[in-house]
């Protein structure tokens, strides 16, 4: 039996040359010190392969039609055996692939592995990063739910701001002037055909460049990169002290990939598939859409952009980031590689990581976004309504019924778009509160025409009771009596700013 199997393998090899092609790749020599720092690229490739397999299976069940996409996902989740798990693995492996690409590029940047002769390897890696992000974004569109609809709406509005060509670019993106069936068909083609094919081609080119330029060594302080001598010195060192990729280096890749795979599958089983979150309906104004985890930091950055420079930054930032990343090896392709000798690079990486982490956390909490159901779901804290007068109790009802809790918290419960009102009575006087309620200011709308005089008085009376230390700014003598008595002239409220 063994002889027959060997004869069959020999027959295939004689006609295909597959082993002769793969063997040099598997046995190419790598630096001996290329250890656990070098496993993230292999993990990225593994998750991409999982994406291809699981995505192919899902494509046989998914209906890329605006009328049927949402229902087809429900069918996969509820009726296809283990269909929910297939979707969960596809979605979770996408998140892991994005994480591994970012970690891998961060390691390459910190170790300055983009220097000579690996400049092209870095550039192809940058293109792979954006292909990975594009796959993740178009994958979210495939869910064809509220998140997908509003995400497309935001993307289309940004594209529409491009001078001269904005309308044409929006039509190309959406397949027409508005989001519809042609939009889903267009993004399905991108997600299933164009982007995977492009990524496969770039992965092949990336691996070829790695084999050509070699795997970089661990950086050592004082070991400079000089294009005139580096390549010859590197080849001599690898020939003397290097080890074959398989099995010496590959065993670490396999261990890390195995652990990452177990973690990914475990999280997929625990969390299940993402979405779909409601039919895409533009008439649902209470929708609270948000992107997937990989794009939460962009979501936060867009929400926090100053209105005065919003359009400029939206249009200028993407090309600047792409060109900047591609230009890194052209700007610095020689010299030190050790992070200890490159403090600016280390500080830059720390700033980027902290910024993305902080923006991602803000994207989870979204303090700028109203909690649309807070007025019905979040009650007024009990301790804040004890020993209140009937007028103040009526004000608490007005605060709740007018949906103020959607933007304002009471003792940490409610929306965070506006300030917490738990101590507002200690910060603002009666007249200041009346003026703020009636005239608005900042992000707060004016309620002068929405609330009656009695409701305004009751609301301000309750807000005056919201104090943390029992003290507060002085009020005009007789303000409450004047506001509540029709026989007395009203208190004169000074104009805003005086």
Protein backbone atom coordinates (compact mmCIF):
# COMPACT_ATOMS: atom_id res chain seq x y z
CA UNK A 1 0.00 0.00 0.00
CA UNK A 2 2.81 2.41 0.87
CA UNK A 3 4.59 1.68 -2.40
CA UNK A 4 1.37 2.32 -4.31
CA UNK A 5 0.83 5.64 -2.52
CA UNK A 6 4.41 6.71 -3.19
CA UNK A 7 4.03 5.68 -6.82
CA UNK A 8 0.84 7.75 -7.09
CA UNK A 9 2.54 10.77 -5.50
CA UNK A 10 5.47 10.33 -7.88
CA UNK A 11 3.11 10.13 -10.85
CA UNK A 12 1.38 13.40 -9.83
CA UNK A 13 4.71 15.11 -9.08
CA UNK A 14 6.19 14.11 -12.42
CA UNK A 15 3.31 15.76 -14.24
CA UNK A 16 2.61 18.76 -11.96
CA UNK A 17 5.83 19.61 -10.14
CA UNK A 18 3.78 20.63 -7.09
CA UNK A 19 6.23 19.26 -4.50
CA UNK A 20 9.16 20.81 -6.31
CA UNK A 21 7.36 24.14 -6.22
CA UNK A 22 6.29 23.99 -2.56
CA UNK A 23 9.44 22.43 -1.08
CA UNK A 24 11.71 25.50 -1.49
CA UNK A 25 9.01 27.67 0.07
CA UNK A 26 8.62 25.42 3.11
CA UNK A 27 12.37 24.89 3.62
CA UNK A 28 13.68 28.40 2.93
CA UNK A 29 16.01 29.55 5.67
CA UNK A 30 14.95 32.19 8.15
CA UNK A 31 16.90 33.90 10.95
CA UNK A 32 17.22 31.78 14.07
CA UNK A 33 15.91 34.59 16.27
CA UNK A 34 12.70 35.00 14.21
CA UNK A 35 10.45 33.62 16.94
CA UNK A 36 7.14 34.63 18.52
CA UNK A 37 7.20 38.17 17.15
CA UNK A 38 6.83 36.67 13.67
CA UNK A 39 3.66 34.61 14.04
CA UNK A 40 1.04 37.29 13.28
CA UNK A 41 1.42 37.17 9.49
CA UNK A 42 0.71 33.43 9.43
CA UNK A 43 -2.32 33.92 11.69
CA UNK A 44 -3.64 36.60 9.34
CA UNK A 45 -3.33 34.20 6.40
CA UNK A 46 -5.13 31.48 8.37
CA UNK A 47 -8.08 33.72 9.16
CA UNK A 48 -8.26 34.84 5.54
CA UNK A 49 -8.49 31.20 4.45
CA UNK A 50 -11.29 30.68 6.99
CA UNK A 51 -13.00 33.72 5.49
CA UNK A 52 -12.77 32.23 2.00
CA UNK A 53 -14.15 28.82 3.02
CA UNK A 54 -16.95 30.08 5.27
CA UNK A 55 -17.82 32.88 2.83
CA UNK A 56 -18.11 30.42 -0.05
CA UNK A 57 -20.51 28.27 1.95
CA UNK A 58 -22.59 31.28 2.96
CA UNK A 59 -22.75 32.49 -0.65
CA UNK A 60 -24.60 29.30 -1.57
CA UNK A 61 -27.35 30.20 0.92
CA UNK A 62 -27.44 33.98 0.83
CA UNK A 63 -29.90 35.83 -1.42
CA UNK A 64 -28.21 39.04 -2.69
CA UNK A 65 -31.53 40.78 -3.23
CA UNK A 66 -32.83 43.81 -1.37
CA UNK A 67 -36.17 42.07 -0.92
CA UNK A 68 -34.79 38.73 0.29
CA UNK A 69 -31.38 39.37 1.95
CA UNK A 70 -32.73 39.99 5.44
CA UNK A 71 -34.98 36.93 5.33
CA UNK A 72 -32.20 34.73 3.91
CA UNK A 73 -30.00 35.53 6.91
CA UNK A 74 -32.84 34.64 9.25
CA UNK A 75 -33.27 31.40 7.31
CA UNK A 76 -29.57 30.58 7.70
CA UNK A 77 -29.68 31.33 11.44
CA UNK A 78 -32.90 29.49 12.24
CA UNK A 79 -33.37 26.67 9.75
CA UNK A 80 -30.00 25.67 8.26
CA UNK A 81 -28.28 23.14 10.56
CA UNK A 82 -25.41 24.98 12.28
CA UNK A 83 -26.05 27.91 9.97
CA UNK A 84 -25.83 30.36 12.86
CA UNK A 85 -22.41 28.93 13.74
CA UNK A 86 -21.21 29.31 10.17
CA UNK A 87 -22.22 32.97 10.21
CA UNK A 88 -20.66 33.46 13.63
CA UNK A 89 -17.35 31.95 12.49
CA UNK A 90 -17.36 34.08 9.34
CA UNK A 91 -18.00 37.28 11.28
CA UNK A 92 -15.61 36.52 14.14
CA UNK A 93 -12.79 35.44 11.81
CA UNK A 94 -13.21 38.78 10.03
CA UNK A 95 -12.64 40.62 13.32
CA UNK A 96 -9.63 38.43 14.13
CA UNK A 97 -8.18 39.00 10.66
CA UNK A 98 -8.41 42.77 11.12
CA UNK A 99 -6.75 42.52 14.53
CA UNK A 100 -3.94 40.31 13.23
CA UNK A 101 -3.25 42.60 10.27
CA UNK A 102 -3.01 45.61 12.58
CA UNK A 103 -0.78 43.80 15.08
CA UNK A 104 1.42 42.44 12.29
CA UNK A 105 1.87 45.88 10.72
CA UNK A 106 2.55 47.43 14.13
CA UNK A 107 5.30 44.85 14.75
CA UNK A 108 6.81 45.48 11.32
CA UNK A 109 6.75 49.25 11.95
CA UNK A 110 8.32 48.98 15.43
CA UNK A 111 11.05 46.64 14.16
CA UNK A 112 11.57 48.80 11.05
CA UNK A 113 11.27 45.72 8.85
CA UNK A 114 10.11 48.02 6.03
CA UNK A 115 13.68 49.20 5.44
CA UNK A 116 15.84 48.02 2.53
CA UNK A 117 15.33 45.60 0.79
CA UNK A 118 11.72 45.12 1.97
CA UNK A 119 10.13 48.41 0.91
CA UNK A 120 7.78 46.78 -1.60
CA UNK A 121 6.81 44.14 0.95
CA UNK A 122 5.58 46.90 3.27
CA UNK A 123 3.70 48.67 0.48
CA UNK A 124 1.88 45.50 -0.52
CA UNK A 125 1.10 44.96 3.17
CA UNK A 126 -0.50 48.42 3.33
CA UNK A 127 -2.70 47.52 0.36
CA UNK A 128 -3.63 44.26 2.10
CA UNK A 129 -4.61 46.24 5.21
CA UNK A 130 -7.07 48.35 3.23
CA UNK A 131 -8.39 45.29 1.39
CA UNK A 132 -9.02 43.66 4.78
CA UNK A 133 -10.88 46.73 6.04
CA UNK A 134 -12.88 46.89 2.80
CA UNK A 135 -13.85 43.23 3.19
CA UNK A 136 -15.00 43.90 6.75
CA UNK A 137 -17.05 46.94 5.71
CA UNK A 138 -18.71 45.28 2.73
CA UNK A 139 -19.41 42.25 4.94
CA UNK A 140 -21.43 44.47 7.26
CA UNK A 141 -23.43 45.69 4.24
CA UNK A 142 -24.31 42.06 3.45
CA UNK A 143 -26.41 41.96 6.61
CA UNK A 144 -28.72 44.52 4.96
CA UNK A 145 -30.12 45.80 8.25
CA UNK A 146 -30.39 49.17 9.96
CA UNK A 147 -26.63 49.31 10.61
CA UNK A 148 -25.91 48.57 6.96
CA UNK A 149 -28.45 51.11 5.68
CA UNK A 150 -27.29 54.01 7.81
CA UNK A 151 -23.63 53.09 7.33
CA UNK A 152 -24.16 53.33 3.59
CA UNK A 153 -26.01 56.60 4.07
CA UNK A 154 -23.08 58.11 5.96
CA UNK A 155 -20.59 56.83 3.39
CA UNK A 156 -22.67 58.22 0.53
CA UNK A 157 -22.98 61.61 2.23
CA UNK A 158 -19.20 61.78 2.62
CA UNK A 159 -18.59 60.86 -1.02
CA UNK A 160 -21.21 63.40 -2.08
CA UNK A 161 -19.07 66.20 -0.60
CA UNK A 162 -16.27 65.68 -3.12
CA UNK A 163 -16.11 68.81 -5.27
CA UNK A 164 -17.39 68.53 -8.86
CA UNK A 165 -17.49 64.70 -8.95
CA UNK A 166 -19.44 64.10 -5.73
CA UNK A 167 -22.79 63.20 -7.30
CA UNK A 168 -21.23 60.90 -9.89
CA UNK A 169 -19.12 59.12 -7.26
CA UNK A 170 -22.17 58.64 -5.05
CA UNK A 171 -24.09 57.12 -7.95
CA UNK A 172 -21.20 54.75 -8.66
CA UNK A 173 -21.06 53.76 -4.99
CA UNK A 174 -24.80 53.18 -4.59
CA UNK A 175 -25.64 52.07 -8.12
CA UNK A 176 -27.98 55.04 -8.44
CA UNK A 177 -29.02 58.21 -6.62
CA UNK A 178 -30.37 56.35 -3.59
CA UNK A 179 -29.84 53.14 -1.59
CA UNK A 180 -31.74 50.28 -3.19
CA UNK A 181 -31.49 46.85 -4.74
CA UNK A 182 -28.67 47.88 -7.08
CA UNK A 183 -26.65 48.97 -4.03
CA UNK A 184 -26.74 45.51 -2.46
CA UNK A 185 -25.91 43.82 -5.78
CA UNK A 186 -22.92 46.13 -6.22
CA UNK A 187 -21.56 45.49 -2.73
CA UNK A 188 -22.20 41.75 -3.05
CA UNK A 189 -20.00 41.68 -6.17
CA UNK A 190 -17.32 43.63 -4.32
CA UNK A 191 -17.44 41.41 -1.24
CA UNK A 192 -17.61 38.05 -3.00
CA UNK A 193 -15.59 38.56 -6.18
CA UNK A 194 -13.56 41.76 -6.50
CA UNK A 195 -12.07 42.16 -3.02
CA UNK A 196 -11.28 38.46 -2.38
CA UNK A 197 -9.67 38.15 -5.81
CA UNK A 198 -7.61 41.28 -5.23
CA UNK A 199 -6.62 40.08 -1.75
CA UNK A 200 -5.54 36.66 -3.06
CA UNK A 201 -3.37 38.32 -5.69
CA UNK A 202 -1.80 40.65 -3.13
CA UNK A 203 -1.20 37.77 -0.69
CA UNK A 204 0.63 35.86 -3.42
CA UNK A 205 2.73 38.92 -4.26
CA UNK A 206 3.41 39.55 -0.56
CA UNK A 207 4.65 35.98 -0.03
CA UNK A 208 6.80 36.16 -3.16
CA UNK A 209 8.42 39.36 -1.90
CA UNK A 210 9.03 37.78 1.51
CA UNK A 211 10.81 34.86 -0.16
CA UNK A 212 12.79 37.28 -2.32
CA UNK A 213 13.84 39.69 0.43
CA UNK A 214 13.93 37.21 3.29
CA UNK A 215 12.41 37.36 6.75
CA UNK A 216 13.86 40.25 8.73
CA UNK A 217 15.99 39.54 11.76
CA UNK A 218 15.19 40.74 15.25
CA UNK A 219 16.52 44.31 15.39
CA UNK A 220 19.70 44.89 17.37
CA UNK A 221 20.91 48.26 18.59
CA UNK A 222 23.83 49.44 16.52
CA UNK A 223 23.19 47.04 13.63
CA UNK A 224 22.50 49.56 10.86
CA UNK A 225 20.81 48.96 7.53
CA UNK A 226 23.06 50.08 4.67
CA UNK A 227 21.72 49.27 1.17
CA UNK A 228 25.28 48.91 -0.06
CA UNK A 229 26.14 46.03 2.27
CA UNK A 230 22.98 44.81 4.02
CA UNK A 231 21.80 42.20 1.53
CA UNK A 232 25.15 40.42 1.31
CA UNK A 233 25.64 40.44 5.09
CA UNK A 234 22.08 39.21 5.66
CA UNK A 235 22.47 36.27 3.26
CA UNK A 236 25.76 35.26 4.90
CA UNK A 237 24.23 35.35 8.38
CA UNK A 238 21.15 33.38 7.37
CA UNK A 239 23.30 30.80 5.56
CA UNK A 240 25.46 30.29 8.67
CA UNK A 241 22.98 30.56 11.53
CA UNK A 242 19.53 30.40 9.90
CA UNK A 243 17.08 27.52 10.25
CA UNK A 244 14.55 26.04 7.79
CA UNK A 245 11.11 27.59 8.00
CA UNK A 246 9.62 24.12 8.31
CA UNK A 247 9.66 22.71 10.91
CA UNK A 248 11.76 25.08 13.05
CA UNK A 249 9.87 28.36 12.58
CA UNK A 250 6.58 26.86 11.37
CA UNK A 251 5.96 25.04 14.66
CA UNK A 252 5.58 28.37 16.48
CA UNK A 253 3.22 29.58 13.78
CA UNK A 254 1.15 26.41 14.15
CA UNK A 255 0.98 26.71 17.95
CA UNK A 256 -0.11 30.36 17.83
CA UNK A 257 -2.58 29.74 14.99
CA UNK A 258 -4.06 26.80 16.88
CA UNK A 259 -4.58 28.87 20.04
CA UNK A 260 -6.01 31.79 18.04
CA UNK A 261 -8.36 29.40 16.22
CA UNK A 262 -9.63 27.91 19.49
CA UNK A 263 -10.24 31.39 20.89
CA UNK A 264 -12.03 32.51 17.73
CA UNK A 265 -14.33 29.48 17.63
CA UNK A 266 -15.05 29.82 21.35
CA UNK A 267 -16.03 33.47 20.98
CA UNK A 268 -18.13 32.65 17.92
CA UNK A 269 -20.06 30.02 19.89
CA UNK A 270 -20.51 32.35 22.86
CA UNK A 271 -21.48 35.54 21.01
CA UNK A 272 -23.23 34.05 17.97
CA UNK A 273 -23.63 35.81 14.62
CA UNK A 274 -23.80 39.60 14.34
CA UNK A 275 -27.20 40.94 13.28
CA UNK A 276 -29.24 41.40 11.30
CA UNK A 277 -30.57 44.28 13.40
CA UNK A 278 -33.95 45.19 11.93
CA UNK A 279 -35.06 45.71 8.36
CA UNK A 280 -33.40 48.66 6.58
CA UNK A 281 -36.14 51.26 6.86
CA UNK A 282 -35.35 54.99 6.49
CA UNK A 283 -38.61 55.90 8.23
CA UNK A 284 -37.39 54.47 11.56
CA UNK A 285 -35.95 57.64 13.07
CA UNK A 286 -35.27 55.99 16.45
CA UNK A 287 -32.66 53.68 14.93
CA UNK A 288 -29.34 53.59 16.77
CA UNK A 289 -26.98 52.27 14.10
CA UNK A 290 -23.30 51.71 14.70
CA UNK A 291 -20.54 49.99 12.72
CA UNK A 292 -18.74 46.79 13.59
CA UNK A 293 -15.92 46.83 16.13
CA UNK A 294 -13.19 47.47 13.55
CA UNK A 295 -14.75 50.80 12.59
CA UNK A 296 -15.92 52.12 15.94
CA UNK A 297 -12.92 54.44 16.17
CA UNK A 298 -13.79 55.97 12.79
CA UNK A 299 -17.41 56.27 13.96
CA UNK A 300 -16.22 58.22 17.02
CA UNK A 301 -13.83 60.41 15.05
CA UNK A 302 -16.59 61.40 12.61
CA UNK A 303 -18.95 62.19 15.48
CA UNK A 304 -16.38 64.42 17.22
CA UNK A 305 -15.14 66.36 14.19
CA UNK A 306 -15.63 70.14 14.55
CA UNK A 307 -18.32 71.26 12.07
CA UNK A 308 -16.10 74.03 10.69
CA UNK A 309 -13.44 71.64 9.36
CA UNK A 310 -15.52 68.48 9.04
CA UNK A 311 -15.70 68.37 5.24
CA UNK A 312 -12.02 69.19 4.79
CA UNK A 313 -10.88 66.46 7.20
CA UNK A 314 -13.32 63.90 5.77
CA UNK A 315 -11.97 64.41 2.26
CA UNK A 316 -8.30 65.05 3.05
CA UNK A 317 -7.62 62.45 5.74
CA UNK A 318 -8.02 59.20 3.70
CA UNK A 319 -5.55 60.08 0.90
CA UNK A 320 -3.09 61.55 3.41
CA UNK A 321 -3.19 58.36 5.51
CA UNK A 322 -2.79 56.08 2.47
CA UNK A 323 0.05 58.11 0.95
CA UNK A 324 1.73 58.47 4.34
CA UNK A 325 1.73 54.73 5.00
CA UNK A 326 2.99 53.91 1.51
CA UNK A 327 5.74 56.54 1.79
CA UNK A 328 7.21 55.31 5.10
CA UNK A 329 9.85 53.00 3.52
CA UNK A 330 10.74 55.67 0.95
CA UNK A 331 11.35 58.25 3.66
CA UNK A 332 13.33 55.93 5.96
CA UNK A 333 14.90 52.86 4.32
CA UNK A 334 18.25 52.79 6.11
CA UNK A 335 19.78 53.23 9.56
CA UNK A 336 18.72 51.85 12.94
CA UNK A 337 15.99 49.24 13.30
CA UNK A 338 15.99 48.75 17.09
CA UNK A 339 12.97 50.41 18.79
CA UNK A 340 15.24 51.64 21.59
CA UNK A 341 17.10 53.76 19.03
CA UNK A 342 13.92 55.02 17.33
CA UNK A 343 12.00 56.90 20.07
CA UNK A 344 9.91 58.95 17.61
CA UNK A 345 8.59 55.76 16.00
CA UNK A 346 7.75 54.25 19.40
CA UNK A 347 5.99 57.42 20.60
CA UNK A 348 4.08 57.64 17.32
CA UNK A 349 2.89 54.07 17.68
CA UNK A 350 1.86 54.63 21.31
CA UNK A 351 -0.12 57.75 20.38
CA UNK A 352 -1.89 55.91 17.55
CA UNK A 353 -2.74 52.91 19.75
CA UNK A 354 -4.03 55.07 22.62
CA UNK A 355 -6.04 57.27 20.23
CA UNK A 356 -7.65 54.33 18.46
CA UNK A 357 -8.34 52.60 21.78
CA UNK A 358 -9.92 55.72 23.29
CA UNK A 359 -12.01 56.39 20.18
CA UNK A 360 -13.14 52.74 20.10
CA UNK A 361 -14.25 52.97 23.73
CA UNK A 362 -16.11 56.18 22.96
CA UNK A 363 -17.71 54.40 20.01
CA UNK A 364 -19.04 51.73 22.39
CA UNK A 365 -20.51 54.23 24.84
CA UNK A 366 -21.39 56.94 22.25
CA UNK A 367 -21.86 59.76 24.80
CA UNK A 368 -22.81 62.18 21.98
CA UNK A 369 -25.75 60.04 20.88
CA UNK A 370 -29.15 60.34 22.63
CA UNK A 371 -30.53 57.25 24.35
CA UNK A 372 -33.78 57.28 22.41
CA UNK A 373 -35.75 55.10 24.84
CA UNK A 374 -34.40 56.58 28.09
CA UNK A 375 -37.63 58.50 28.72
CA UNK A 376 -39.56 55.21 28.94
CA UNK A 377 -36.85 52.84 30.13
CA UNK A 378 -34.78 54.82 32.66
CA UNK A 379 -36.79 55.93 35.73
CA UNK A 380 -36.03 58.97 37.84
CA UNK A 381 -33.84 57.87 40.80
CA UNK A 382 -36.01 57.33 43.87
CA UNK A 383 -33.78 59.34 46.20
CA UNK A 384 -34.21 62.41 43.98
CA UNK A 385 -38.01 62.52 44.34
CA UNK A 386 -38.26 61.99 48.08
CA UNK A 387 -39.70 64.93 50.06
CA UNK A 388 -40.47 66.95 46.93
CA UNK A 389 -43.37 69.38 46.74
CA UNK A 390 -46.25 68.61 44.35
CA UNK A 391 -44.94 71.27 41.96
CA UNK A 392 -41.48 69.71 41.94
CA UNK A 393 -42.98 66.25 41.44
CA UNK A 394 -44.89 67.59 38.45
CA UNK A 395 -41.57 68.92 37.11
CA UNK A 396 -40.03 65.47 37.37
CA UNK A 397 -42.90 64.16 35.26
CA UNK A 398 -42.35 66.91 32.69
CA UNK A 399 -38.62 66.10 32.55
CA UNK A 400 -39.45 62.47 31.82
CA UNK A 401 -42.39 63.03 29.47
CA UNK A 402 -40.60 65.62 27.32
CA UNK A 403 -37.82 63.06 26.69
CA UNK A 404 -35.16 65.20 28.39
CA UNK A 405 -33.69 61.99 29.80
CA UNK A 406 -32.68 60.92 26.28
CA UNK A 407 -29.88 63.51 26.40
CA UNK A 408 -29.53 64.23 30.13
CA UNK A 409 -28.67 61.78 32.88
CA UNK A 410 -29.87 61.95 36.45
CA UNK A 411 -27.25 60.62 38.81
CA UNK A 412 -25.50 58.79 35.96
CA UNK A 413 -28.66 57.20 34.49
CA UNK A 414 -29.80 58.35 31.05
CA UNK A 415 -28.25 59.98 28.00
CA UNK A 416 -24.85 61.64 28.11
CA UNK A 417 -25.20 64.09 25.24
CA UNK A 418 -25.92 66.91 27.71
CA UNK A 419 -24.64 67.45 31.26
CA UNK A 420 -25.85 65.34 34.17
CA UNK A 421 -28.69 67.18 35.91
CA UNK A 422 -28.18 65.63 39.35
CA UNK A 423 -26.52 68.82 40.62
CA UNK A 424 -27.85 71.40 38.17
CA UNK A 425 -29.61 73.27 41.00
CA UNK A 426 -26.22 73.90 42.58
CA UNK A 427 -24.81 75.30 39.34
CA UNK A 428 -27.57 77.41 37.79
CA UNK A 429 -30.00 79.89 39.28
CA UNK A 430 -33.74 79.93 38.68
CA UNK A 431 -33.44 82.57 35.96
CA UNK A 432 -30.55 80.76 34.25
CA UNK A 433 -32.57 77.55 34.17
CA UNK A 434 -35.62 79.33 32.76
CA UNK A 435 -33.52 80.94 30.06
CA UNK A 436 -31.82 77.64 29.16
CA UNK A 437 -35.12 75.76 28.92
CA UNK A 438 -36.88 78.44 26.89
CA UNK A 439 -34.04 79.59 24.62
CA UNK A 440 -31.83 76.50 24.48
CA UNK A 441 -28.13 76.77 23.82
CA UNK A 442 -25.24 74.64 22.66
CA UNK A 443 -26.71 71.35 21.44
CA UNK A 444 -29.94 71.84 23.38
CA UNK A 445 -33.03 72.95 21.42
CA UNK A 446 -35.31 75.72 22.66
CA UNK A 447 -38.48 74.58 24.45
CA UNK A 448 -40.09 78.02 24.79
CA UNK A 449 -42.82 77.13 22.29
CA UNK A 450 -43.09 73.50 23.35
CA UNK A 451 -43.75 73.86 27.08
CA UNK A 452 -46.53 75.86 28.64
CA UNK A 453 -45.73 78.38 31.37
CA UNK A 454 -46.98 75.97 34.04
CA UNK A 455 -44.81 73.14 32.68
CA UNK A 456 -41.77 75.40 32.53
CA UNK A 457 -42.27 76.49 36.14
CA UNK A 458 -42.73 72.92 37.32
CA UNK A 459 -39.66 71.72 35.38
CA UNK A 460 -37.43 74.48 36.72
CA UNK A 461 -38.74 73.90 40.25
CA UNK A 462 -37.68 70.27 40.02
CA UNK A 463 -34.28 71.17 38.53
CA UNK A 464 -33.72 73.64 41.39
CA UNK A 465 -34.21 70.73 43.81
CA UNK A 466 -31.42 68.75 42.10
CA UNK A 467 -28.54 69.61 44.40
CA UNK A 468 -25.77 67.47 45.81
CA UNK A 469 -24.78 69.58 48.81
CA UNK A 470 -27.95 71.48 49.68
CA UNK A 471 -26.54 74.78 48.41
CA UNK A 472 -26.73 76.55 45.10
CA UNK A 473 -26.61 79.88 43.32
CA UNK A 474 -28.82 82.56 44.74
CA UNK A 475 -32.15 83.20 43.07
CA UNK A 476 -33.94 86.49 42.60
CA UNK A 477 -36.11 87.07 45.69
CA UNK A 478 -39.67 86.04 45.06
CA UNK A 479 -38.82 84.38 41.72
CA UNK A 480 -40.89 81.28 42.39
CA UNK A 481 -43.84 83.30 43.69
CA UNK A 482 -43.71 85.68 40.73
CA UNK A 483 -43.46 82.79 38.24
CA UNK A 484 -46.43 80.96 39.72
CA UNK A 485 -48.71 83.90 40.49
CA UNK A 486 -50.70 85.50 37.64
CA UNK A 487 -51.26 88.66 39.75
CA UNK A 488 -47.56 89.57 39.97
CA UNK A 489 -45.36 90.83 37.13
CA UNK A 490 -42.91 88.24 35.79
CA UNK A 491 -39.26 88.28 36.70
CA UNK A 492 -37.16 90.07 34.12
CA UNK A 493 -34.68 87.61 32.60
CA UNK A 494 -31.51 89.32 31.31
CA UNK A 495 -30.52 88.57 27.69
CA UNK A 496 -28.09 85.73 27.03
CA UNK A 497 -24.52 86.85 27.59
CA UNK A 498 -25.29 89.58 30.12
